[in-house]
Amino acid sequence: MSDGKKMSSSRRHHLKSVILQIAASWLEQEVIDIAAAKAAYIAEKCVLPDLSGDQASLMEICKKLHQKIDQIDEERYDNESKVTKSDKEIDDLKIKVVELAGVKKPALKKVRMSADSMLQALLGGKHKVTMDLRANLKQVKKEVKEEAGEAVGDWRKNVEGKADRKKMFETS
């Protein structure tokens, strides 16, 4: 098959039917094996009591059977409590997983806050000093354009003025 030739459809169907027959026989054998294992377990664990004898021996057999029943009920109860406890733990863990996966941190919003309000929020009522950060800034004078109509016009008229500003920045 690896040499590139395709298998004919009749050959493919034949192989498929053979595989299905083998699988069906395996399933039948598995059912027989399970039934045999069950019969062996019952024969080992559930021995038929000897019912021949007087009334005292029969009462003794009944007491043993009741003790076994009580023991099996205790085991069943213990197993049920373990299962319910495990189920509760599983449910709690599922809830925790959903909570962890479902909760997404929201994007932080920008809040405008002055330096005074920041210090007051951090230090509480102790903060009494006001910080004026704008007081230390340099004062810049704006250039007022003389003719508004001329600024909109041709750019070549204003080239010499721009060249002077460039020289001013280069020298400092």
N, C-alpha and C. Protein backbone atom coordinates (compact mmCIF):
# COMPACT_ATOMS: atom_id res chain seq x y z
N MET A 1 0.82 -1.19 0.00
CA MET A 1 0.00 0.00 0.00
C MET A 1 0.86 1.25 0.00
N SER A 2 2.05 1.20 0.56
CA SER A 2 2.91 2.37 0.65
C SER A 2 3.61 2.66 -0.67
N ASP A 3 3.53 1.74 -1.65
CA ASP A 3 4.20 1.98 -2.93
C ASP A 3 3.36 2.85 -3.86
N GLY A 4 2.25 3.39 -3.40
CA GLY A 4 1.49 4.34 -4.19
C GLY A 4 0.27 3.74 -4.86
N LYS A 5 0.12 2.41 -4.85
CA LYS A 5 -1.04 1.80 -5.50
C LYS A 5 -2.23 1.87 -4.56
N LYS A 6 -3.39 2.19 -5.12
CA LYS A 6 -4.59 2.25 -4.30
C LYS A 6 -5.22 0.87 -4.23
N MET A 7 -5.87 0.64 -3.10
CA MET A 7 -6.54 -0.62 -2.88
C MET A 7 -7.91 -0.56 -3.56
N SER A 8 -8.32 -1.65 -4.14
CA SER A 8 -9.63 -1.65 -4.79
C SER A 8 -10.73 -1.62 -3.73
N SER A 9 -11.89 -1.14 -4.13
CA SER A 9 -12.97 -0.97 -3.16
C SER A 9 -13.47 -2.33 -2.66
N SER A 10 -13.47 -3.35 -3.53
CA SER A 10 -13.92 -4.68 -3.06
C SER A 10 -12.95 -5.24 -2.02
N ARG A 11 -11.65 -5.04 -2.23
CA ARG A 11 -10.66 -5.49 -1.27
C ARG A 11 -10.83 -4.74 0.06
N ARG A 12 -11.04 -3.43 -0.03
CA ARG A 12 -11.22 -2.61 1.16
C ARG A 12 -12.45 -3.08 1.94
N HIS A 13 -13.57 -3.33 1.25
CA HIS A 13 -14.79 -3.79 1.92
C HIS A 13 -14.60 -5.17 2.54
N HIS A 14 -13.86 -6.03 1.87
CA HIS A 14 -13.60 -7.37 2.40
C HIS A 14 -12.79 -7.26 3.71
N LEU A 15 -11.71 -6.45 3.69
CA LEU A 15 -10.89 -6.28 4.90
C LEU A 15 -11.70 -5.66 6.03
N LYS A 16 -12.56 -4.71 5.69
CA LYS A 16 -13.38 -4.08 6.72
C LYS A 16 -14.33 -5.09 7.35
N SER A 17 -14.93 -5.97 6.54
CA SER A 17 -15.85 -6.97 7.09
C SER A 17 -15.09 -7.98 7.96
N VAL A 18 -13.87 -8.35 7.56
CA VAL A 18 -13.07 -9.28 8.37
C VAL A 18 -12.73 -8.64 9.72
N ILE A 19 -12.34 -7.36 9.71
CA ILE A 19 -12.02 -6.67 10.96
C ILE A 19 -13.25 -6.60 11.85
N LEU A 20 -14.42 -6.31 11.29
CA LEU A 20 -15.64 -6.25 12.09
C LEU A 20 -16.00 -7.61 12.68
N GLN A 21 -15.78 -8.71 11.93
CA GLN A 21 -16.05 -10.05 12.44
C GLN A 21 -15.13 -10.37 13.63
N ILE A 22 -13.85 -10.01 13.50
CA ILE A 22 -12.90 -10.26 14.58
C ILE A 22 -13.30 -9.45 15.82
N ALA A 23 -13.69 -8.18 15.62
CA ALA A 23 -14.09 -7.34 16.75
C ALA A 23 -15.34 -7.90 17.42
N ALA A 24 -16.29 -8.40 16.63
CA ALA A 24 -17.50 -8.98 17.21
C ALA A 24 -17.17 -10.22 18.03
N SER A 25 -16.26 -11.06 17.54
CA SER A 25 -15.87 -12.24 18.31
C SER A 25 -15.16 -11.86 19.61
N TRP A 26 -14.34 -10.81 19.56
CA TRP A 26 -13.69 -10.33 20.78
C TRP A 26 -14.72 -9.83 21.79
N LEU A 27 -15.73 -9.10 21.34
CA LEU A 27 -16.77 -8.62 22.25
C LEU A 27 -17.54 -9.77 22.88
N GLU A 28 -17.85 -10.80 22.07
CA GLU A 28 -18.55 -11.97 22.62
C GLU A 28 -17.68 -12.66 23.68
N GLN A 29 -16.39 -12.80 23.40
CA GLN A 29 -15.48 -13.43 24.35
C GLN A 29 -15.38 -12.61 25.62
N GLU A 30 -15.38 -11.29 25.49
CA GLU A 30 -15.31 -10.42 26.66
C GLU A 30 -16.55 -10.59 27.54
N VAL A 31 -17.73 -10.70 26.92
CA VAL A 31 -18.96 -10.90 27.68
C VAL A 31 -18.91 -12.23 28.43
N ILE A 32 -18.40 -13.28 27.78
CA ILE A 32 -18.28 -14.60 28.42
C ILE A 32 -17.31 -14.53 29.58
N ASP A 33 -16.16 -13.84 29.39
CA ASP A 33 -15.16 -13.71 30.46
C ASP A 33 -15.72 -12.96 31.66
N ILE A 34 -16.50 -11.89 31.42
CA ILE A 34 -17.08 -11.12 32.51
C ILE A 34 -18.07 -11.98 33.30
N ALA A 35 -18.89 -12.76 32.57
CA ALA A 35 -19.86 -13.62 33.26
C ALA A 35 -19.14 -14.68 34.10
N ALA A 36 -18.04 -15.24 33.58
CA ALA A 36 -17.29 -16.25 34.33
C ALA A 36 -16.64 -15.62 35.57
N ALA A 37 -16.09 -14.42 35.44
CA ALA A 37 -15.47 -13.74 36.58
C ALA A 37 -16.53 -13.43 37.64
N LYS A 38 -17.71 -13.04 37.20
CA LYS A 38 -18.79 -12.74 38.14
C LYS A 38 -19.22 -14.01 38.89
N ALA A 39 -19.35 -15.12 38.17
CA ALA A 39 -19.74 -16.38 38.81
C ALA A 39 -18.67 -16.84 39.80
N ALA A 40 -17.40 -16.66 39.45
CA ALA A 40 -16.32 -17.06 40.35
C ALA A 40 -16.32 -16.19 41.61
N TYR A 41 -16.56 -14.90 41.47
CA TYR A 41 -16.60 -14.01 42.62
C TYR A 41 -17.77 -14.37 43.54
N ILE A 42 -18.93 -14.63 42.96
CA ILE A 42 -20.11 -14.98 43.76
C ILE A 42 -19.87 -16.31 44.49
N ALA A 43 -19.25 -17.27 43.79
CA ALA A 43 -18.97 -18.56 44.42
C ALA A 43 -17.98 -18.40 45.58
N GLU A 44 -17.04 -17.47 45.44
CA GLU A 44 -16.05 -17.27 46.50
C GLU A 44 -16.64 -16.50 47.68
N LYS A 45 -17.36 -15.44 47.40
CA LYS A 45 -17.85 -14.57 48.46
C LYS A 45 -19.18 -15.00 49.07
N CYS A 46 -20.02 -15.60 48.28
CA CYS A 46 -21.37 -15.96 48.76
C CYS A 46 -21.50 -17.48 48.84
N VAL A 47 -20.89 -18.02 49.87
CA VAL A 47 -20.97 -19.48 50.07
C VAL A 47 -22.36 -19.81 50.61
N LEU A 48 -23.00 -20.83 50.05
CA LEU A 48 -24.33 -21.22 50.52
C LEU A 48 -24.21 -21.81 51.93
N PRO A 49 -25.02 -21.32 52.83
CA PRO A 49 -24.94 -21.85 54.20
C PRO A 49 -25.53 -23.27 54.27
N ASP A 50 -25.02 -24.01 55.19
CA ASP A 50 -25.51 -25.37 55.41
C ASP A 50 -26.76 -25.26 56.30
N LEU A 51 -27.90 -25.52 55.70
CA LEU A 51 -29.17 -25.34 56.41
C LEU A 51 -29.61 -26.62 57.13
N SER A 52 -28.80 -27.65 57.09
CA SER A 52 -29.17 -28.87 57.81
C SER A 52 -28.71 -28.74 59.26
N GLY A 53 -29.52 -29.12 60.16
CA GLY A 53 -29.14 -29.05 61.56
C GLY A 53 -30.32 -28.59 62.40
N ASP A 54 -30.06 -28.40 63.68
CA ASP A 54 -31.14 -28.03 64.59
C ASP A 54 -31.38 -26.52 64.58
N GLN A 55 -32.28 -26.10 65.43
CA GLN A 55 -32.70 -24.71 65.46
C GLN A 55 -31.57 -23.79 65.96
N ALA A 56 -30.75 -24.22 66.85
CA ALA A 56 -29.66 -23.40 67.39
C ALA A 56 -28.63 -23.08 66.31
N SER A 57 -28.29 -24.08 65.48
CA SER A 57 -27.32 -23.83 64.41
C SER A 57 -27.90 -22.89 63.36
N LEU A 58 -29.20 -23.02 63.09
CA LEU A 58 -29.84 -22.12 62.13
C LEU A 58 -29.86 -20.68 62.66
N MET A 59 -30.10 -20.54 63.97
CA MET A 59 -30.10 -19.20 64.56
C MET A 59 -28.69 -18.60 64.51
N GLU A 60 -27.68 -19.44 64.71
CA GLU A 60 -26.29 -18.98 64.63
C GLU A 60 -25.98 -18.49 63.22
N ILE A 61 -26.45 -19.22 62.21
CA ILE A 61 -26.25 -18.83 60.81
C ILE A 61 -26.94 -17.49 60.54
N CYS A 62 -28.14 -17.32 61.06
CA CYS A 62 -28.88 -16.06 60.88
C CYS A 62 -28.14 -14.89 61.52
N LYS A 63 -27.56 -15.11 62.72
CA LYS A 63 -26.81 -14.05 63.39
C LYS A 63 -25.59 -13.65 62.57
N LYS A 64 -24.90 -14.66 62.00
CA LYS A 64 -23.72 -14.36 61.17
C LYS A 64 -24.14 -13.56 59.92
N LEU A 65 -25.27 -13.98 59.34
CA LEU A 65 -25.75 -13.26 58.15
C LEU A 65 -26.10 -11.81 58.49
N HIS A 66 -26.73 -11.58 59.63
CA HIS A 66 -27.07 -10.23 60.05
C HIS A 66 -25.81 -9.39 60.32
N GLN A 67 -24.79 -10.02 60.91
CA GLN A 67 -23.54 -9.31 61.14
C GLN A 67 -22.90 -8.91 59.80
N LYS A 68 -22.93 -9.83 58.83
CA LYS A 68 -22.37 -9.52 57.51
C LYS A 68 -23.15 -8.39 56.85
N ILE A 69 -24.49 -8.45 56.99
CA ILE A 69 -25.32 -7.39 56.40
C ILE A 69 -24.99 -6.05 57.03
N ASP A 70 -24.83 -6.00 58.36
CA ASP A 70 -24.47 -4.77 59.04
C ASP A 70 -23.11 -4.25 58.58
N GLN A 71 -22.16 -5.17 58.45
CA GLN A 71 -20.82 -4.79 58.00
C GLN A 71 -20.87 -4.22 56.58
N ILE A 72 -21.62 -4.84 55.70
CA ILE A 72 -21.74 -4.37 54.32
C ILE A 72 -22.44 -3.02 54.28
N ASP A 73 -23.47 -2.83 55.14
CA ASP A 73 -24.15 -1.54 55.19
C ASP A 73 -23.21 -0.43 55.66
N GLU A 74 -22.34 -0.74 56.63
CA GLU A 74 -21.38 0.26 57.09
C GLU A 74 -20.40 0.63 55.97
N GLU A 75 -19.91 -0.37 55.26
CA GLU A 75 -19.00 -0.11 54.14
C GLU A 75 -19.70 0.72 53.06
N ARG A 76 -20.95 0.38 52.77
CA ARG A 76 -21.71 1.11 51.75
C ARG A 76 -21.89 2.57 52.18
N TYR A 77 -22.22 2.77 53.45
CA TYR A 77 -22.41 4.13 53.97
C TYR A 77 -21.10 4.92 53.89
N ASP A 78 -19.99 4.29 54.29
CA ASP A 78 -18.69 4.96 54.22
C ASP A 78 -18.34 5.34 52.78
N ASN A 79 -18.58 4.40 51.87
CA ASN A 79 -18.29 4.68 50.46
C ASN A 79 -19.16 5.80 49.92
N GLU A 80 -20.44 5.80 50.30
CA GLU A 80 -21.34 6.87 49.85
C GLU A 80 -20.89 8.22 50.40
N SER A 81 -20.47 8.26 51.66
CA SER A 81 -20.03 9.53 52.24
C SER A 81 -18.75 10.02 51.56
N LYS A 82 -17.84 9.09 51.23
CA LYS A 82 -16.63 9.48 50.51
C LYS A 82 -16.97 10.04 49.14
N VAL A 83 -17.92 9.40 48.46
CA VAL A 83 -18.31 9.86 47.12
C VAL A 83 -18.95 11.24 47.18
N THR A 84 -19.86 11.45 48.16
CA THR A 84 -20.51 12.76 48.27
C THR A 84 -19.49 13.85 48.63
N LYS A 85 -18.54 13.52 49.49
CA LYS A 85 -17.50 14.48 49.86
C LYS A 85 -16.66 14.83 48.63
N SER A 86 -16.29 13.81 47.86
CA SER A 86 -15.50 14.04 46.65
C SER A 86 -16.30 14.87 45.64
N ASP A 87 -17.60 14.59 45.52
CA ASP A 87 -18.43 15.36 44.60
C ASP A 87 -18.50 16.82 45.01
N LYS A 88 -18.62 17.07 46.30
CA LYS A 88 -18.65 18.46 46.78
C LYS A 88 -17.33 19.16 46.49
N GLU A 89 -16.22 18.46 46.72
CA GLU A 89 -14.91 19.05 46.43
C GLU A 89 -14.77 19.36 44.95
N ILE A 90 -15.24 18.44 44.11
CA ILE A 90 -15.17 18.65 42.66
C ILE A 90 -16.00 19.86 42.27
N ASP A 91 -17.20 19.97 42.83
CA ASP A 91 -18.05 21.12 42.51
C ASP A 91 -17.41 22.42 42.96
N ASP A 92 -16.82 22.42 44.16
CA ASP A 92 -16.15 23.62 44.65
C ASP A 92 -14.98 24.01 43.75
N LEU A 93 -14.20 23.01 43.33
CA LEU A 93 -13.07 23.29 42.45
C LEU A 93 -13.54 23.79 41.09
N LYS A 94 -14.65 23.24 40.59
CA LYS A 94 -15.19 23.73 39.32
C LYS A 94 -15.62 25.18 39.44
N ILE A 95 -16.24 25.52 40.56
CA ILE A 95 -16.67 26.90 40.77
C ILE A 95 -15.46 27.82 40.84
N LYS A 96 -14.40 27.37 41.53
CA LYS A 96 -13.19 28.20 41.62
C LYS A 96 -12.56 28.40 40.25
N VAL A 97 -12.55 27.35 39.44
CA VAL A 97 -11.97 27.46 38.10
C VAL A 97 -12.77 28.45 37.27
N VAL A 98 -14.10 28.37 37.36
CA VAL A 98 -14.94 29.30 36.60
C VAL A 98 -14.72 30.73 37.08
N GLU A 99 -14.59 30.90 38.40
CA GLU A 99 -14.37 32.25 38.93
C GLU A 99 -13.02 32.80 38.47
N LEU A 100 -11.99 31.95 38.50
CA LEU A 100 -10.67 32.43 38.10
C LEU A 100 -10.61 32.71 36.60
N ALA A 101 -11.23 31.87 35.82
CA ALA A 101 -11.18 32.06 34.37
C ALA A 101 -12.14 33.17 33.94
N GLY A 102 -13.24 33.32 34.65
CA GLY A 102 -14.26 34.26 34.22
C GLY A 102 -13.97 35.70 34.62
N VAL A 103 -13.21 35.92 35.68
CA VAL A 103 -12.96 37.26 36.14
C VAL A 103 -11.77 37.84 35.40
N LYS A 104 -12.02 38.92 34.67
CA LYS A 104 -10.94 39.58 33.97
C LYS A 104 -10.74 40.95 34.59
N LYS A 105 -9.50 41.34 34.70
CA LYS A 105 -9.22 42.64 35.30
C LYS A 105 -9.61 43.73 34.31
N PRO A 106 -10.38 44.70 34.75
CA PRO A 106 -10.76 45.77 33.83
C PRO A 106 -9.58 46.70 33.57
N ALA A 107 -9.64 47.36 32.43
CA ALA A 107 -8.58 48.31 32.09
C ALA A 107 -8.69 49.50 33.04
N LEU A 108 -7.55 49.98 33.48
CA LEU A 108 -7.55 51.10 34.41
C LEU A 108 -7.89 52.38 33.66
N LYS A 109 -8.66 53.23 34.30
CA LYS A 109 -9.05 54.50 33.69
C LYS A 109 -8.08 55.58 34.15
N LYS A 110 -7.81 56.52 33.24
CA LYS A 110 -6.95 57.62 33.60
C LYS A 110 -7.75 58.60 34.45
N VAL A 111 -7.18 58.99 35.54
CA VAL A 111 -7.83 59.92 36.44
C VAL A 111 -6.96 61.16 36.56
N ARG A 112 -7.54 62.31 36.30
CA ARG A 112 -6.79 63.56 36.44
C ARG A 112 -6.76 63.92 37.92
N MET A 113 -5.55 64.02 38.44
CA MET A 113 -5.41 64.31 39.86
C MET A 113 -4.22 65.25 40.03
N SER A 114 -4.42 66.24 40.78
CA SER A 114 -3.32 67.18 41.01
C SER A 114 -2.33 66.58 42.01
N ALA A 115 -1.18 67.19 42.09
CA ALA A 115 -0.16 66.70 43.01
C ALA A 115 -0.63 66.85 44.45
N ASP A 116 -1.37 67.94 44.72
CA ASP A 116 -1.89 68.14 46.08
C ASP A 116 -2.85 67.02 46.46
N SER A 117 -3.75 66.69 45.56
CA SER A 117 -4.73 65.65 45.89
C SER A 117 -4.06 64.28 46.00
N MET A 118 -2.99 64.05 45.21
CA MET A 118 -2.25 62.79 45.32
C MET A 118 -1.60 62.67 46.70
N LEU A 119 -0.93 63.74 47.12
CA LEU A 119 -0.28 63.71 48.42
C LEU A 119 -1.29 63.58 49.54
N GLN A 120 -2.43 64.23 49.37
CA GLN A 120 -3.46 64.13 50.40
C GLN A 120 -4.01 62.71 50.46
N ALA A 121 -4.17 62.04 49.28
CA ALA A 121 -4.66 60.67 49.27
C ALA A 121 -3.64 59.72 49.89
N LEU A 122 -2.36 59.96 49.65
CA LEU A 122 -1.32 59.08 50.18
C LEU A 122 -1.07 59.32 51.66
N LEU A 123 -1.00 60.59 52.06
CA LEU A 123 -0.62 60.91 53.43
C LEU A 123 -1.81 61.13 54.35
N GLY A 124 -2.97 61.25 53.79
CA GLY A 124 -4.16 61.47 54.62
C GLY A 124 -4.25 62.91 55.05
N GLY A 125 -4.64 63.16 56.29
CA GLY A 125 -4.83 64.51 56.81
C GLY A 125 -3.54 65.21 57.15
N LYS A 126 -2.39 64.53 57.11
CA LYS A 126 -1.12 65.13 57.48
C LYS A 126 -0.65 66.15 56.45
N HIS A 127 -1.12 66.01 55.22
CA HIS A 127 -0.62 66.83 54.12
C HIS A 127 -1.19 68.24 54.21
N LYS A 128 -0.30 69.24 54.40
CA LYS A 128 -0.77 70.62 54.46
C LYS A 128 -0.01 71.48 53.46
N VAL A 129 1.11 70.98 52.93
CA VAL A 129 1.91 71.77 52.00
C VAL A 129 1.27 71.69 50.63
N THR A 130 1.14 72.82 49.97
CA THR A 130 0.59 72.81 48.61
C THR A 130 1.75 72.90 47.64
N MET A 131 1.65 72.13 46.61
CA MET A 131 2.70 72.13 45.60
C MET A 131 2.16 72.83 44.36
N ASP A 132 2.81 73.91 44.00
CA ASP A 132 2.42 74.59 42.78
C ASP A 132 3.51 74.29 41.76
N LEU A 133 3.29 73.28 40.96
CA LEU A 133 4.31 72.85 40.00
C LEU A 133 4.44 73.84 38.85
N ARG A 134 3.40 74.60 38.59
CA ARG A 134 3.44 75.53 37.47
C ARG A 134 4.25 76.79 37.79
N ALA A 135 4.51 77.04 39.06
CA ALA A 135 5.23 78.26 39.44
C ALA A 135 6.67 78.24 38.95
N ASN A 136 7.25 77.06 38.86
CA ASN A 136 8.66 76.96 38.46
C ASN A 136 8.84 76.90 36.96
N LEU A 137 7.77 76.92 36.21
CA LEU A 137 7.89 76.84 34.75
C LEU A 137 8.34 78.18 34.18
N LYS A 138 9.01 78.10 33.04
CA LYS A 138 9.50 79.28 32.37
C LYS A 138 8.35 79.98 31.66
N GLN A 139 8.36 81.29 31.70
CA GLN A 139 7.34 82.04 30.99
C GLN A 139 7.78 82.20 29.54
N VAL A 140 6.91 81.85 28.61
CA VAL A 140 7.22 81.95 27.19
C VAL A 140 6.28 82.96 26.58
N LYS A 141 6.85 83.90 25.85
CA LYS A 141 6.02 84.92 25.20
C LYS A 141 5.66 84.42 23.82
N LYS A 142 4.41 84.58 23.48
CA LYS A 142 3.96 84.17 22.15
C LYS A 142 4.24 85.28 21.16
N GLU A 143 4.60 84.87 19.96
CA GLU A 143 4.79 85.85 18.89
C GLU A 143 3.44 86.13 18.28
N VAL A 144 3.14 87.36 18.14
CA VAL A 144 1.87 87.75 17.56
C VAL A 144 2.12 88.06 16.09
N LYS A 145 1.37 87.43 15.22
CA LYS A 145 1.53 87.67 13.80
C LYS A 145 0.87 89.01 13.47
N GLU A 146 1.56 89.77 12.68
CA GLU A 146 1.08 91.11 12.38
C GLU A 146 -0.08 91.07 11.40
N GLU A 147 0.06 90.30 10.36
CA GLU A 147 -0.98 90.29 9.34
C GLU A 147 -1.50 88.86 9.21
N ALA A 148 -2.73 88.65 9.57
CA ALA A 148 -3.32 87.32 9.50
C ALA A 148 -3.52 86.89 8.06
N GLY A 149 -3.84 87.77 7.19
CA GLY A 149 -4.08 87.42 5.78
C GLY A 149 -2.81 87.00 5.08
N GLU A 150 -1.68 87.58 5.48
CA GLU A 150 -0.43 87.27 4.82
C GLU A 150 0.08 85.89 5.24
N ALA A 151 -0.24 85.42 6.43
CA ALA A 151 0.22 84.12 6.90
C ALA A 151 -0.43 82.99 6.12
N VAL A 152 -1.60 83.21 5.66
CA VAL A 152 -2.30 82.18 4.91
C VAL A 152 -1.73 82.09 3.50
N GLY A 153 -1.10 83.10 3.04
CA GLY A 153 -0.64 83.21 1.65
C GLY A 153 0.53 82.32 1.33
N ASP A 154 1.42 82.83 0.53
CA ASP A 154 2.53 82.07 0.00
C ASP A 154 3.56 81.80 1.08
N TRP A 155 4.09 80.59 1.14
CA TRP A 155 5.03 80.21 2.18
C TRP A 155 6.40 80.80 1.95
N ARG A 156 6.69 81.15 0.74
CA ARG A 156 8.01 81.67 0.41
C ARG A 156 8.26 83.04 1.02
N LYS A 157 7.23 83.78 1.31
CA LYS A 157 7.40 85.11 1.88
C LYS A 157 7.89 85.03 3.33
N ASN A 158 7.59 83.90 4.01
CA ASN A 158 7.90 83.77 5.44
C ASN A 158 9.17 82.94 5.70
N VAL A 159 9.91 82.57 4.67
CA VAL A 159 11.07 81.71 4.82
C VAL A 159 12.17 82.40 5.61
N GLU A 160 12.39 83.68 5.38
CA GLU A 160 13.47 84.38 6.06
C GLU A 160 13.21 84.45 7.56
N GLY A 161 11.98 84.64 7.95
CA GLY A 161 11.64 84.67 9.38
C GLY A 161 11.89 83.33 10.04
N LYS A 162 11.57 82.25 9.36
CA LYS A 162 11.79 80.91 9.90
C LYS A 162 13.28 80.61 10.01
N ALA A 163 14.08 81.07 9.06
CA ALA A 163 15.51 80.84 9.10
C ALA A 163 16.13 81.50 10.32
N ASP A 164 15.64 82.69 10.71
CA ASP A 164 16.16 83.36 11.90
C ASP A 164 15.87 82.54 13.16
N ARG A 165 14.70 81.96 13.24
CA ARG A 165 14.34 81.14 14.40
C ARG A 165 15.22 79.90 14.48
N LYS A 166 15.53 79.32 13.30
CA LYS A 166 16.37 78.12 13.29
C LYS A 166 17.76 78.45 13.81
N LYS A 167 18.30 79.61 13.41
CA LYS A 167 19.63 80.02 13.89
C LYS A 167 19.60 80.26 15.39
N MET A 168 18.48 80.76 15.90
CA MET A 168 18.37 81.04 17.30
C MET A 168 18.46 79.74 18.11
N PHE A 169 17.82 78.65 17.64
CA PHE A 169 17.86 77.38 18.34
C PHE A 169 19.22 76.71 18.24
N GLU A 170 19.90 76.90 17.12
CA GLU A 170 21.20 76.26 16.93
C GLU A 170 22.26 76.89 17.84
N THR A 171 22.18 78.16 18.09
CA THR A 171 23.20 78.83 18.90
C THR A 171 23.06 78.52 20.37
N SER A 172 21.85 78.21 20.87
CA SER A 172 21.71 77.98 22.27
C SER A 172 22.05 76.61 22.69
